[in-house]
N, C-alpha and C. Protein backbone atom coordinates (compact mmCIF):
# COMPACT_ATOMS: atom_id res chain seq x y z
N MET A 1 126.21 123.76 78.52
CA MET A 1 127.36 123.89 79.41
C MET A 1 126.99 123.40 80.80
N ILE A 2 127.81 122.55 81.40
CA ILE A 2 127.53 121.96 82.70
C ILE A 2 128.13 122.82 83.80
N SER A 3 127.36 123.02 84.87
CA SER A 3 127.85 123.80 86.00
C SER A 3 129.03 123.11 86.66
N SER A 4 129.97 123.90 87.15
CA SER A 4 131.14 123.33 87.81
C SER A 4 130.99 123.31 89.32
N ALA A 5 129.86 123.79 89.83
CA ALA A 5 129.65 123.82 91.28
C ALA A 5 129.59 122.41 91.82
N VAL A 6 130.11 122.23 93.05
CA VAL A 6 130.11 120.92 93.67
C VAL A 6 129.40 121.02 95.02
N GLY A 7 129.00 119.86 95.53
CA GLY A 7 128.36 119.83 96.84
C GLY A 7 126.91 119.47 96.76
N GLU A 8 126.03 120.40 97.13
CA GLU A 8 124.62 120.08 97.28
C GLU A 8 123.92 119.95 95.94
N LEU A 9 122.71 119.39 96.02
CA LEU A 9 121.90 119.21 94.82
C LEU A 9 121.49 120.56 94.24
N GLN A 10 121.39 120.58 92.92
CA GLN A 10 121.03 121.82 92.23
C GLN A 10 119.78 121.67 91.37
N ALA A 11 119.38 120.44 91.06
CA ALA A 11 118.25 120.24 90.16
C ALA A 11 117.47 118.99 90.52
N ALA A 12 116.18 119.02 90.22
CA ALA A 12 115.31 117.86 90.38
C ALA A 12 114.73 117.52 89.02
N ILE A 13 114.90 116.27 88.61
CA ILE A 13 114.44 115.84 87.29
C ILE A 13 113.39 114.75 87.49
N PHE A 14 112.22 115.01 86.95
CA PHE A 14 111.06 114.15 87.16
C PHE A 14 110.71 113.36 85.90
N ASP A 15 110.47 112.07 86.08
CA ASP A 15 109.78 111.30 85.05
C ASP A 15 108.36 111.85 84.95
N LEU A 16 107.60 111.40 83.98
CA LEU A 16 106.24 111.92 83.77
C LEU A 16 105.17 110.89 84.09
N ASP A 17 105.05 109.88 83.22
CA ASP A 17 103.97 108.90 83.32
C ASP A 17 104.08 108.08 84.60
N GLY A 18 103.01 108.10 85.40
CA GLY A 18 103.01 107.33 86.63
C GLY A 18 103.77 107.97 87.76
N LEU A 19 104.38 109.12 87.50
CA LEU A 19 105.17 109.82 88.53
C LEU A 19 104.56 111.19 88.81
N LEU A 20 104.35 111.98 87.78
CA LEU A 20 103.67 113.27 87.94
C LEU A 20 102.18 113.14 87.66
N ILE A 21 101.84 112.37 86.64
CA ILE A 21 100.44 112.23 86.23
C ILE A 21 100.06 110.75 86.23
N ASP A 22 98.84 110.49 86.64
CA ASP A 22 98.36 109.11 86.75
C ASP A 22 97.95 108.59 85.37
N SER A 23 98.95 108.45 84.51
CA SER A 23 98.67 108.08 83.12
C SER A 23 98.97 106.62 82.80
N GLU A 24 99.56 105.87 83.72
CA GLU A 24 99.82 104.47 83.41
C GLU A 24 98.52 103.70 83.15
N PRO A 25 97.46 103.91 83.94
CA PRO A 25 96.19 103.25 83.58
C PRO A 25 95.67 103.69 82.21
N ILE A 26 95.91 104.94 81.86
CA ILE A 26 95.51 105.42 80.52
C ILE A 26 96.30 104.68 79.46
N TRP A 27 97.62 104.59 79.65
CA TRP A 27 98.44 103.85 78.68
C TRP A 27 97.93 102.41 78.53
N ARG A 28 97.62 101.75 79.65
CA ARG A 28 97.17 100.36 79.56
C ARG A 28 95.84 100.26 78.81
N ARG A 29 94.94 101.17 79.08
CA ARG A 29 93.65 101.16 78.37
C ARG A 29 93.84 101.31 76.88
N VAL A 30 94.67 102.28 76.51
CA VAL A 30 94.87 102.54 75.08
C VAL A 30 95.64 101.40 74.43
N GLU A 31 96.66 100.89 75.10
CA GLU A 31 97.42 99.77 74.54
C GLU A 31 96.52 98.56 74.30
N ARG A 32 95.72 98.20 75.28
CA ARG A 32 94.87 97.02 75.13
C ARG A 32 93.85 97.21 74.00
N ARG A 33 93.32 98.43 73.88
CA ARG A 33 92.34 98.70 72.83
C ARG A 33 92.98 98.67 71.45
N VAL A 34 94.08 99.41 71.30
CA VAL A 34 94.72 99.52 69.98
C VAL A 34 95.25 98.17 69.52
N PHE A 35 95.89 97.43 70.43
CA PHE A 35 96.42 96.13 70.03
C PHE A 35 95.30 95.13 69.78
N ALA A 36 94.21 95.21 70.52
CA ALA A 36 93.08 94.31 70.26
C ALA A 36 92.52 94.53 68.87
N GLU A 37 92.55 95.78 68.40
CA GLU A 37 92.03 96.10 67.07
C GLU A 37 92.83 95.44 65.97
N ILE A 38 94.09 95.06 66.26
CA ILE A 38 94.92 94.38 65.25
C ILE A 38 95.14 92.91 65.61
N GLY A 39 94.33 92.41 66.55
CA GLY A 39 94.35 90.99 66.87
C GLY A 39 95.38 90.56 67.89
N VAL A 40 95.91 91.50 68.66
CA VAL A 40 96.90 91.17 69.68
C VAL A 40 96.27 91.42 71.05
N ASP A 41 96.09 90.35 71.81
CA ASP A 41 95.44 90.43 73.11
C ASP A 41 96.49 90.64 74.20
N LEU A 42 96.48 91.81 74.82
CA LEU A 42 97.42 92.12 75.89
C LEU A 42 96.69 92.14 77.22
N SER A 43 97.30 91.55 78.22
CA SER A 43 96.75 91.60 79.57
C SER A 43 97.27 92.83 80.30
N GLU A 44 96.69 93.11 81.47
CA GLU A 44 97.19 94.20 82.30
C GLU A 44 98.66 93.96 82.65
N ASP A 45 99.01 92.70 82.97
CA ASP A 45 100.40 92.39 83.32
C ASP A 45 101.32 92.57 82.12
N ASP A 46 100.84 92.23 80.92
CA ASP A 46 101.64 92.47 79.71
C ASP A 46 102.00 93.95 79.62
N CYS A 47 101.01 94.79 79.85
CA CYS A 47 101.24 96.23 79.74
C CYS A 47 102.15 96.74 80.85
N ARG A 48 101.98 96.21 82.05
CA ARG A 48 102.85 96.62 83.15
C ARG A 48 104.31 96.24 82.89
N SER A 49 104.51 95.16 82.15
CA SER A 49 105.88 94.67 81.92
C SER A 49 106.70 95.63 81.07
N THR A 50 106.05 96.55 80.37
CA THR A 50 106.77 97.48 79.50
C THR A 50 106.75 98.91 80.04
N MET A 51 106.32 99.10 81.28
CA MET A 51 106.31 100.43 81.87
C MET A 51 107.70 101.05 81.85
N GLY A 52 107.77 102.31 81.47
CA GLY A 52 109.04 103.02 81.45
C GLY A 52 109.75 103.01 80.11
N LEU A 53 109.29 102.15 79.19
CA LEU A 53 109.92 102.07 77.88
C LEU A 53 109.28 103.06 76.91
N ARG A 54 110.02 103.42 75.87
CA ARG A 54 109.46 104.27 74.83
C ARG A 54 108.36 103.53 74.10
N CYS A 55 107.44 104.29 73.53
CA CYS A 55 106.32 103.68 72.81
C CYS A 55 106.81 102.82 71.65
N ASP A 56 107.82 103.29 70.93
CA ASP A 56 108.30 102.50 69.80
C ASP A 56 108.92 101.18 70.26
N ALA A 57 109.54 101.18 71.44
CA ALA A 57 110.12 99.94 71.97
C ALA A 57 109.03 98.97 72.39
N VAL A 58 107.93 99.50 72.93
CA VAL A 58 106.80 98.65 73.30
C VAL A 58 106.20 97.99 72.06
N VAL A 59 105.97 98.81 71.03
CA VAL A 59 105.39 98.28 69.79
C VAL A 59 106.32 97.25 69.17
N ALA A 60 107.61 97.54 69.15
CA ALA A 60 108.59 96.61 68.57
C ALA A 60 108.60 95.27 69.32
N LYS A 61 108.48 95.32 70.62
CA LYS A 61 108.46 94.10 71.43
C LYS A 61 107.28 93.21 71.04
N TRP A 62 106.09 93.80 70.99
CA TRP A 62 104.92 92.98 70.68
C TRP A 62 104.90 92.57 69.21
N TYR A 63 105.45 93.38 68.32
CA TYR A 63 105.52 92.97 66.91
C TYR A 63 106.47 91.78 66.74
N ARG A 64 107.54 91.80 67.53
CA ARG A 64 108.51 90.70 67.50
C ARG A 64 107.93 89.43 68.10
N GLU A 65 107.23 89.57 69.20
CA GLU A 65 106.73 88.40 69.93
C GLU A 65 105.36 87.92 69.45
N ARG A 66 104.54 88.85 68.95
CA ARG A 66 103.18 88.51 68.50
C ARG A 66 102.88 89.26 67.20
N PRO A 67 103.58 88.93 66.13
CA PRO A 67 103.46 89.70 64.88
C PRO A 67 102.02 89.72 64.36
N TRP A 68 101.67 90.84 63.73
CA TRP A 68 100.32 91.02 63.20
C TRP A 68 100.38 91.41 61.74
N GLN A 69 99.25 91.32 61.09
CA GLN A 69 99.10 91.76 59.72
C GLN A 69 98.37 93.09 59.70
N GLY A 70 98.68 93.92 58.70
CA GLY A 70 97.95 95.17 58.56
C GLY A 70 98.82 96.37 58.82
N PRO A 71 98.46 97.18 59.82
CA PRO A 71 99.19 98.44 60.04
C PRO A 71 100.65 98.20 60.42
N THR A 72 101.49 99.11 60.02
CA THR A 72 102.91 99.02 60.34
C THR A 72 103.12 99.36 61.82
N PRO A 73 104.26 98.96 62.39
CA PRO A 73 104.55 99.37 63.77
C PRO A 73 104.49 100.88 63.95
N GLU A 74 104.94 101.63 62.96
CA GLU A 74 104.91 103.09 63.06
C GLU A 74 103.46 103.60 63.14
N GLN A 75 102.57 102.98 62.38
CA GLN A 75 101.16 103.38 62.43
C GLN A 75 100.53 103.03 63.76
N VAL A 76 100.89 101.88 64.31
CA VAL A 76 100.38 101.47 65.62
C VAL A 76 100.88 102.44 66.70
N GLN A 77 102.16 102.80 66.62
CA GLN A 77 102.71 103.76 67.57
C GLN A 77 101.95 105.08 67.51
N ALA A 78 101.67 105.55 66.32
CA ALA A 78 100.95 106.82 66.17
C ALA A 78 99.56 106.73 66.79
N ARG A 79 98.89 105.59 66.61
CA ARG A 79 97.56 105.41 67.21
C ARG A 79 97.64 105.42 68.73
N LEU A 80 98.64 104.75 69.26
CA LEU A 80 98.81 104.71 70.71
C LEU A 80 99.04 106.11 71.28
N GLU A 81 99.97 106.84 70.70
CA GLU A 81 100.31 108.16 71.23
C GLU A 81 99.14 109.13 71.09
N ALA A 82 98.42 109.04 69.98
CA ALA A 82 97.26 109.93 69.80
C ALA A 82 96.18 109.60 70.83
N GLY A 83 95.96 108.32 71.09
CA GLY A 83 94.94 107.91 72.05
C GLY A 83 95.30 108.33 73.46
N VAL A 84 96.57 108.17 73.83
CA VAL A 84 97.01 108.56 75.17
C VAL A 84 96.90 110.08 75.33
N CYS A 85 97.32 110.81 74.33
CA CYS A 85 97.25 112.27 74.38
C CYS A 85 95.80 112.73 74.59
N GLU A 86 94.89 112.14 73.86
CA GLU A 86 93.48 112.52 73.95
C GLU A 86 92.94 112.28 75.37
N LEU A 87 93.24 111.12 75.94
CA LEU A 87 92.72 110.80 77.27
C LEU A 87 93.40 111.62 78.37
N ILE A 88 94.69 111.90 78.21
CA ILE A 88 95.37 112.75 79.19
C ILE A 88 94.73 114.14 79.22
N ARG A 89 94.45 114.68 78.05
CA ARG A 89 93.83 116.01 77.99
C ARG A 89 92.44 116.02 78.63
N ALA A 90 91.73 114.88 78.51
CA ALA A 90 90.36 114.82 79.01
C ALA A 90 90.26 114.33 80.45
N GLU A 91 91.18 113.41 80.86
CA GLU A 91 90.99 112.71 82.13
C GLU A 91 92.21 112.73 83.06
N GLY A 92 93.35 113.22 82.61
CA GLY A 92 94.58 113.10 83.39
C GLY A 92 94.46 113.70 84.79
N GLU A 93 94.92 112.97 85.79
CA GLU A 93 94.89 113.41 87.18
C GLU A 93 96.30 113.37 87.77
N PRO A 94 96.59 114.28 88.70
CA PRO A 94 97.93 114.28 89.31
C PRO A 94 98.14 113.06 90.19
N MET A 95 99.38 112.63 90.29
CA MET A 95 99.72 111.59 91.24
C MET A 95 99.73 112.17 92.65
N PRO A 96 99.45 111.36 93.67
CA PRO A 96 99.46 111.86 95.04
C PRO A 96 100.80 112.50 95.40
N GLY A 97 100.74 113.66 96.02
CA GLY A 97 101.96 114.33 96.46
C GLY A 97 102.63 115.18 95.42
N LEU A 98 102.03 115.32 94.25
CA LEU A 98 102.66 116.09 93.17
C LEU A 98 102.98 117.52 93.62
N GLU A 99 101.99 118.23 94.12
CA GLU A 99 102.20 119.62 94.51
C GLU A 99 103.22 119.71 95.64
N HIS A 100 103.15 118.80 96.59
CA HIS A 100 104.10 118.77 97.69
C HIS A 100 105.53 118.63 97.19
N ALA A 101 105.74 117.69 96.26
CA ALA A 101 107.09 117.44 95.75
C ALA A 101 107.64 118.63 95.00
N ILE A 102 106.83 119.24 94.16
CA ILE A 102 107.29 120.40 93.39
C ILE A 102 107.57 121.57 94.32
N ASN A 103 106.68 121.80 95.28
CA ASN A 103 106.89 122.90 96.23
C ASN A 103 108.17 122.69 97.02
N LEU A 104 108.42 121.45 97.45
CA LEU A 104 109.60 121.16 98.24
C LEU A 104 110.87 121.38 97.43
N ALA A 105 110.84 120.91 96.18
CA ALA A 105 112.02 121.09 95.31
C ALA A 105 112.27 122.57 95.04
N GLU A 106 111.21 123.31 94.80
CA GLU A 106 111.37 124.75 94.54
C GLU A 106 111.87 125.48 95.78
N SER A 107 111.34 125.11 96.95
CA SER A 107 111.77 125.78 98.17
C SER A 107 113.23 125.46 98.50
N ALA A 108 113.72 124.32 97.97
CA ALA A 108 115.13 123.96 98.16
C ALA A 108 116.03 124.64 97.14
N GLY A 109 115.44 125.43 96.26
CA GLY A 109 116.22 126.16 95.27
C GLY A 109 116.66 125.32 94.09
N LEU A 110 115.96 124.19 93.87
CA LEU A 110 116.33 123.31 92.76
C LEU A 110 115.66 123.74 91.47
N ARG A 111 116.37 123.62 90.38
CA ARG A 111 115.77 123.83 89.06
C ARG A 111 115.07 122.54 88.66
N LEU A 112 113.97 122.65 87.94
CA LEU A 112 113.14 121.48 87.64
C LEU A 112 113.12 121.17 86.15
N ALA A 113 113.11 119.86 85.85
CA ALA A 113 112.99 119.40 84.47
C ALA A 113 112.20 118.11 84.44
N VAL A 114 111.64 117.81 83.28
CA VAL A 114 110.99 116.53 83.02
C VAL A 114 111.87 115.75 82.07
N ALA A 115 112.06 114.46 82.36
CA ALA A 115 112.79 113.56 81.46
C ALA A 115 111.93 112.32 81.28
N SER A 116 111.28 112.22 80.14
CA SER A 116 110.26 111.19 79.92
C SER A 116 110.53 110.36 78.68
N SER A 117 110.05 109.12 78.72
CA SER A 117 110.09 108.27 77.52
C SER A 117 109.02 108.69 76.52
N SER A 118 108.01 109.41 76.99
CA SER A 118 106.92 109.83 76.11
C SER A 118 107.37 110.93 75.16
N CYS A 119 106.62 111.06 74.06
CA CYS A 119 106.92 112.11 73.09
C CYS A 119 106.57 113.48 73.68
N LEU A 120 107.09 114.52 73.07
CA LEU A 120 106.87 115.87 73.58
C LEU A 120 105.39 116.26 73.58
N GLU A 121 104.62 115.76 72.64
CA GLU A 121 103.19 116.09 72.59
C GLU A 121 102.50 115.58 73.86
N ILE A 122 102.86 114.37 74.30
CA ILE A 122 102.26 113.83 75.52
C ILE A 122 102.77 114.59 76.74
N ILE A 123 104.07 114.89 76.78
CA ILE A 123 104.62 115.66 77.89
C ILE A 123 103.89 116.99 78.02
N ASP A 124 103.75 117.70 76.90
CA ASP A 124 103.11 119.02 76.93
C ASP A 124 101.64 118.90 77.32
N ALA A 125 100.95 117.86 76.83
CA ALA A 125 99.54 117.66 77.19
C ALA A 125 99.39 117.42 78.68
N ALA A 126 100.29 116.63 79.25
CA ALA A 126 100.22 116.31 80.68
C ALA A 126 100.52 117.54 81.54
N LEU A 127 101.57 118.28 81.20
CA LEU A 127 101.93 119.45 81.99
C LEU A 127 100.83 120.52 81.92
N ALA A 128 100.21 120.64 80.74
CA ALA A 128 99.11 121.59 80.59
C ALA A 128 97.90 121.14 81.40
N ARG A 129 97.59 119.86 81.35
CA ARG A 129 96.45 119.32 82.10
C ARG A 129 96.64 119.55 83.60
N LEU A 130 97.87 119.40 84.08
CA LEU A 130 98.16 119.57 85.50
C LEU A 130 98.42 121.03 85.88
N ASP A 131 98.50 121.89 84.87
CA ASP A 131 98.76 123.32 85.06
C ASP A 131 100.08 123.58 85.78
N ILE A 132 101.12 122.86 85.35
CA ILE A 132 102.44 123.02 85.98
C ILE A 132 103.54 123.27 84.96
N ALA A 133 103.18 123.54 83.71
CA ALA A 133 104.19 123.68 82.66
C ALA A 133 105.20 124.77 82.97
N ASP A 134 104.74 125.89 83.56
CA ASP A 134 105.64 127.02 83.79
C ASP A 134 106.58 126.79 84.97
N ARG A 135 106.45 125.67 85.66
CA ARG A 135 107.31 125.39 86.81
C ARG A 135 108.53 124.56 86.41
N PHE A 136 108.58 124.14 85.17
CA PHE A 136 109.70 123.32 84.69
C PHE A 136 110.53 124.11 83.69
N ALA A 137 111.82 124.23 83.98
CA ALA A 137 112.71 124.99 83.11
C ALA A 137 113.04 124.23 81.83
N ALA A 138 112.86 122.92 81.85
CA ALA A 138 113.16 122.10 80.66
C ALA A 138 112.29 120.88 80.66
N ARG A 139 111.95 120.41 79.46
CA ARG A 139 111.28 119.12 79.34
C ARG A 139 111.93 118.38 78.20
N CYS A 140 112.38 117.16 78.52
CA CYS A 140 113.16 116.37 77.57
C CYS A 140 112.47 115.04 77.31
N SER A 141 112.44 114.66 76.05
CA SER A 141 111.82 113.40 75.64
C SER A 141 112.88 112.45 75.11
N ALA A 142 112.70 111.16 75.40
CA ALA A 142 113.60 110.15 74.84
C ALA A 142 113.20 109.78 73.42
N ALA A 143 112.02 110.23 72.99
CA ALA A 143 111.58 109.96 71.62
C ALA A 143 112.56 110.61 70.65
N GLY A 144 113.00 109.85 69.68
CA GLY A 144 113.92 110.38 68.69
C GLY A 144 115.38 110.21 69.05
N LEU A 145 115.67 109.87 70.29
CA LEU A 145 117.06 109.60 70.67
C LEU A 145 117.48 108.22 70.15
N ALA A 146 118.78 108.01 70.04
CA ALA A 146 119.27 106.72 69.57
C ALA A 146 118.80 105.59 70.48
N GLU A 147 118.74 105.87 71.80
CA GLU A 147 118.28 104.87 72.76
C GLU A 147 117.44 105.53 73.83
N GLY A 148 116.41 104.81 74.27
CA GLY A 148 115.58 105.29 75.35
C GLY A 148 116.00 104.67 76.67
N LYS A 149 115.24 104.95 77.73
CA LYS A 149 115.51 104.33 79.02
C LYS A 149 115.49 102.81 78.84
N PRO A 150 116.42 102.08 79.45
CA PRO A 150 117.30 102.42 80.56
C PRO A 150 118.61 103.13 80.19
N HIS A 151 118.79 103.52 78.94
CA HIS A 151 119.96 104.33 78.58
C HIS A 151 119.81 105.70 79.25
N PRO A 152 120.89 106.29 79.74
CA PRO A 152 120.79 107.55 80.50
C PRO A 152 120.63 108.81 79.67
N ALA A 153 120.59 108.70 78.34
CA ALA A 153 120.64 109.89 77.49
C ALA A 153 119.62 110.95 77.84
N VAL A 154 118.36 110.57 78.08
CA VAL A 154 117.33 111.57 78.32
C VAL A 154 117.59 112.32 79.64
N PHE A 155 118.14 111.63 80.63
CA PHE A 155 118.48 112.31 81.88
C PHE A 155 119.68 113.23 81.70
N LEU A 156 120.66 112.77 80.95
CA LEU A 156 121.82 113.61 80.67
C LEU A 156 121.42 114.86 79.89
N ASN A 157 120.48 114.69 78.95
CA ASN A 157 119.99 115.84 78.19
C ASN A 157 119.29 116.85 79.11
N ALA A 158 118.53 116.33 80.08
CA ALA A 158 117.83 117.21 81.00
C ALA A 158 118.81 118.00 81.86
N ALA A 159 119.85 117.33 82.36
CA ALA A 159 120.87 118.01 83.15
C ALA A 159 121.56 119.07 82.32
N ASP A 160 121.87 118.74 81.08
CA ASP A 160 122.53 119.69 80.20
C ASP A 160 121.63 120.89 79.91
N ALA A 161 120.34 120.63 79.73
CA ALA A 161 119.40 121.72 79.46
C ALA A 161 119.30 122.68 80.64
N LEU A 162 119.54 122.16 81.85
CA LEU A 162 119.52 123.00 83.05
C LEU A 162 120.89 123.57 83.39
N SER A 163 121.91 123.19 82.62
CA SER A 163 123.29 123.60 82.89
C SER A 163 123.74 123.16 84.28
N VAL A 164 123.40 121.94 84.64
CA VAL A 164 123.74 121.37 85.93
C VAL A 164 124.46 120.05 85.73
N ASP A 165 125.49 119.82 86.53
CA ASP A 165 126.19 118.54 86.47
C ASP A 165 125.24 117.41 86.87
N PRO A 166 125.21 116.29 86.15
CA PRO A 166 124.31 115.19 86.51
C PRO A 166 124.45 114.73 87.95
N GLY A 167 125.66 114.81 88.49
CA GLY A 167 125.89 114.41 89.87
C GLY A 167 125.26 115.33 90.88
N ARG A 168 124.77 116.50 90.43
CA ARG A 168 124.11 117.44 91.32
C ARG A 168 122.59 117.41 91.11
N CYS A 169 122.11 116.34 90.46
CA CYS A 169 120.68 116.20 90.19
C CYS A 169 120.09 115.07 91.02
N ILE A 170 118.85 115.25 91.43
CA ILE A 170 118.08 114.17 92.02
C ILE A 170 116.97 113.83 91.04
N ALA A 171 116.82 112.55 90.74
CA ALA A 171 115.84 112.09 89.76
C ALA A 171 114.73 111.33 90.47
N PHE A 172 113.52 111.51 89.99
CA PHE A 172 112.35 110.83 90.53
C PHE A 172 111.77 109.92 89.45
N GLU A 173 111.61 108.65 89.78
CA GLU A 173 111.17 107.66 88.80
C GLU A 173 110.18 106.68 89.42
N ASP A 174 109.38 106.05 88.55
CA ASP A 174 108.45 105.03 89.02
C ASP A 174 108.68 103.67 88.36
N SER A 175 109.62 103.59 87.41
CA SER A 175 109.85 102.34 86.69
C SER A 175 111.30 101.90 86.83
N LEU A 176 111.53 100.60 86.67
CA LEU A 176 112.90 100.08 86.73
C LEU A 176 113.77 100.59 85.59
N PRO A 177 113.29 100.63 84.33
CA PRO A 177 114.13 101.22 83.28
C PRO A 177 114.50 102.67 83.58
N GLY A 178 113.57 103.41 84.17
CA GLY A 178 113.86 104.79 84.50
C GLY A 178 114.89 104.92 85.60
N VAL A 179 114.77 104.08 86.63
CA VAL A 179 115.76 104.08 87.71
C VAL A 179 117.14 103.74 87.16
N ASP A 180 117.20 102.70 86.32
CA ASP A 180 118.48 102.32 85.72
C ASP A 180 119.09 103.46 84.92
N ALA A 181 118.24 104.19 84.19
CA ALA A 181 118.72 105.31 83.38
C ALA A 181 119.28 106.43 84.25
N ALA A 182 118.56 106.76 85.32
CA ALA A 182 119.00 107.85 86.19
C ALA A 182 120.27 107.48 86.96
N VAL A 183 120.34 106.23 87.42
CA VAL A 183 121.55 105.76 88.11
C VAL A 183 122.74 105.82 87.16
N ALA A 184 122.53 105.36 85.92
CA ALA A 184 123.61 105.37 84.93
C ALA A 184 124.06 106.79 84.61
N ALA A 185 123.15 107.75 84.76
CA ALA A 185 123.50 109.16 84.53
C ALA A 185 124.28 109.75 85.69
N GLY A 186 124.39 109.00 86.79
CA GLY A 186 125.14 109.47 87.94
C GLY A 186 124.33 110.32 88.90
N MET A 187 123.00 110.19 88.85
CA MET A 187 122.12 111.01 89.67
C MET A 187 121.70 110.28 90.95
N THR A 188 121.37 111.06 91.98
CA THR A 188 120.68 110.52 93.14
C THR A 188 119.26 110.17 92.68
N VAL A 189 118.74 109.02 93.13
CA VAL A 189 117.45 108.57 92.61
C VAL A 189 116.48 108.25 93.74
N ILE A 190 115.28 108.77 93.61
CA ILE A 190 114.16 108.39 94.48
C ILE A 190 113.12 107.70 93.60
N ALA A 191 112.74 106.50 94.01
CA ALA A 191 111.77 105.71 93.26
C ALA A 191 110.42 105.71 93.96
N VAL A 192 109.37 105.85 93.15
CA VAL A 192 108.00 105.79 93.66
C VAL A 192 107.28 104.71 92.84
N PRO A 193 107.50 103.43 93.16
CA PRO A 193 106.95 102.36 92.34
C PRO A 193 105.43 102.30 92.40
N ASP A 194 104.84 101.74 91.36
CA ASP A 194 103.42 101.41 91.37
C ASP A 194 103.16 100.50 92.57
N PRO A 195 102.05 100.73 93.30
CA PRO A 195 101.78 99.94 94.51
C PRO A 195 101.72 98.43 94.30
N VAL A 196 101.41 98.00 93.06
CA VAL A 196 101.32 96.55 92.82
C VAL A 196 102.67 95.95 92.43
N VAL A 197 103.70 96.77 92.34
CA VAL A 197 105.03 96.31 91.92
C VAL A 197 105.91 96.09 93.15
N ASP A 198 106.70 95.03 93.13
CA ASP A 198 107.64 94.73 94.21
C ASP A 198 108.68 95.85 94.29
N PRO A 199 108.81 96.52 95.43
CA PRO A 199 109.76 97.63 95.52
C PRO A 199 111.22 97.20 95.69
N ALA A 200 111.46 95.92 96.03
CA ALA A 200 112.82 95.47 96.34
C ALA A 200 113.82 95.73 95.20
N PRO A 201 113.48 95.42 93.94
CA PRO A 201 114.47 95.65 92.87
C PRO A 201 114.86 97.12 92.71
N PHE A 202 114.01 98.04 93.10
CA PHE A 202 114.34 99.46 93.00
C PHE A 202 115.46 99.82 93.96
N ALA A 203 115.35 99.30 95.18
CA ALA A 203 116.39 99.56 96.18
C ALA A 203 117.70 98.90 95.80
N VAL A 204 117.62 97.70 95.27
CA VAL A 204 118.83 96.98 94.85
C VAL A 204 119.58 97.78 93.80
N ARG A 205 118.84 98.50 92.96
CA ARG A 205 119.47 99.28 91.89
C ARG A 205 120.03 100.61 92.37
N GLY A 206 119.87 100.91 93.64
CA GLY A 206 120.47 102.12 94.19
C GLY A 206 119.53 103.27 94.42
N ALA A 207 118.22 103.03 94.30
CA ALA A 207 117.25 104.10 94.52
C ALA A 207 116.73 104.07 95.95
N ARG A 208 116.41 105.23 96.47
CA ARG A 208 115.67 105.30 97.73
C ARG A 208 114.20 105.17 97.38
N VAL A 209 113.49 104.27 98.04
CA VAL A 209 112.10 103.98 97.69
C VAL A 209 111.15 104.65 98.67
N VAL A 210 110.16 105.35 98.12
CA VAL A 210 109.08 105.93 98.92
C VAL A 210 107.75 105.49 98.31
N ALA A 211 106.72 105.48 99.14
CA ALA A 211 105.41 105.02 98.66
C ALA A 211 104.71 106.06 97.80
N SER A 212 105.03 107.33 98.03
CA SER A 212 104.36 108.41 97.33
C SER A 212 105.24 109.65 97.35
N LEU A 213 105.01 110.54 96.38
CA LEU A 213 105.71 111.82 96.40
C LEU A 213 105.36 112.61 97.65
N ALA A 214 104.23 112.30 98.26
CA ALA A 214 103.85 112.97 99.50
C ALA A 214 104.80 112.65 100.64
N ASP A 215 105.57 111.56 100.50
CA ASP A 215 106.51 111.17 101.55
C ASP A 215 107.86 111.85 101.42
N LEU A 216 108.04 112.64 100.39
CA LEU A 216 109.30 113.34 100.20
C LEU A 216 109.53 114.35 101.32
N THR A 217 110.77 114.41 101.81
CA THR A 217 111.12 115.37 102.86
C THR A 217 112.27 116.24 102.39
N SER A 218 112.45 117.36 103.09
CA SER A 218 113.55 118.25 102.74
C SER A 218 114.90 117.56 102.98
N ALA A 219 114.96 116.65 103.95
CA ALA A 219 116.20 115.93 104.22
C ALA A 219 116.62 115.09 103.03
N MET A 220 115.66 114.55 102.30
CA MET A 220 115.97 113.75 101.10
C MET A 220 116.59 114.60 100.01
N LEU A 221 116.37 115.91 100.09
CA LEU A 221 116.95 116.83 99.10
C LEU A 221 118.22 117.47 99.62
N GLY A 222 118.71 116.94 100.76
CA GLY A 222 119.94 117.46 101.32
C GLY A 222 119.76 118.78 102.02
N ARG A 223 118.49 119.10 102.39
CA ARG A 223 118.21 120.37 103.05
C ARG A 223 117.70 120.12 104.46
C-alpha cells in the first residue's frame, strides 16, 4: 500500500554496488577471470560498460557478442555471482561517505531501502560485511524481475515495500542504467558516478551529481 502523504521526502533508496560498497572492482576482477576461463577476454572498459546491469544481462551481452563453447550462460552467471559473493564477504569495503549518508537520511526521518541489480545473496553479503543490514527496512533485487535497470521496477518495488509513494523517495545511484530507472520511477535522484566516468550524462538525465556520499547535505534531502 502506497502512502498518500504529500510534500517532503519520506524515504531514501540506495543502490548497492559502487554506491554503498566498493564492489565494482570486485565485479571487474571476477568477470575478467570467469570469462577468461571460457576464452572471452574482457578489458576493464568492457566491464565498466555494463555497470548497473543485472548479471544475467551482462552474460547475455557477451554471449551474444562473443559466443563461447562449454558452460551455459546460466552456469557462467552462477560462477560470477558466487565469486563476487565470496570476495565481498572477504574484502568488501564501504564507499566514502557511507556512514554520513545513512546517518543524514536517518536524522531526516527517512525510511531506508536497497534497490540493486544484484541478487539477494550478494545484497545480504554486502550489508552484513558493512554491518548495516538492520538499518534498512527493505532490500529489493532486480534479479528474477521481468526487466532489470534501466526499467524502474526494482525502485517501484522498494517504494512499495516501504509503503511510500515513489514521488516521495530520493534515490542514490552510481550508474546510468540506475539513474534512468530511478528517474522513470518518478524519484528525486542523486548520482555518485565512478570518478573515471564522465558525470555530464548523469545531470542530463535529471540527477543531481555529487563526487561522494560524503558531499550529501541535509538541504539535498529537503531538510
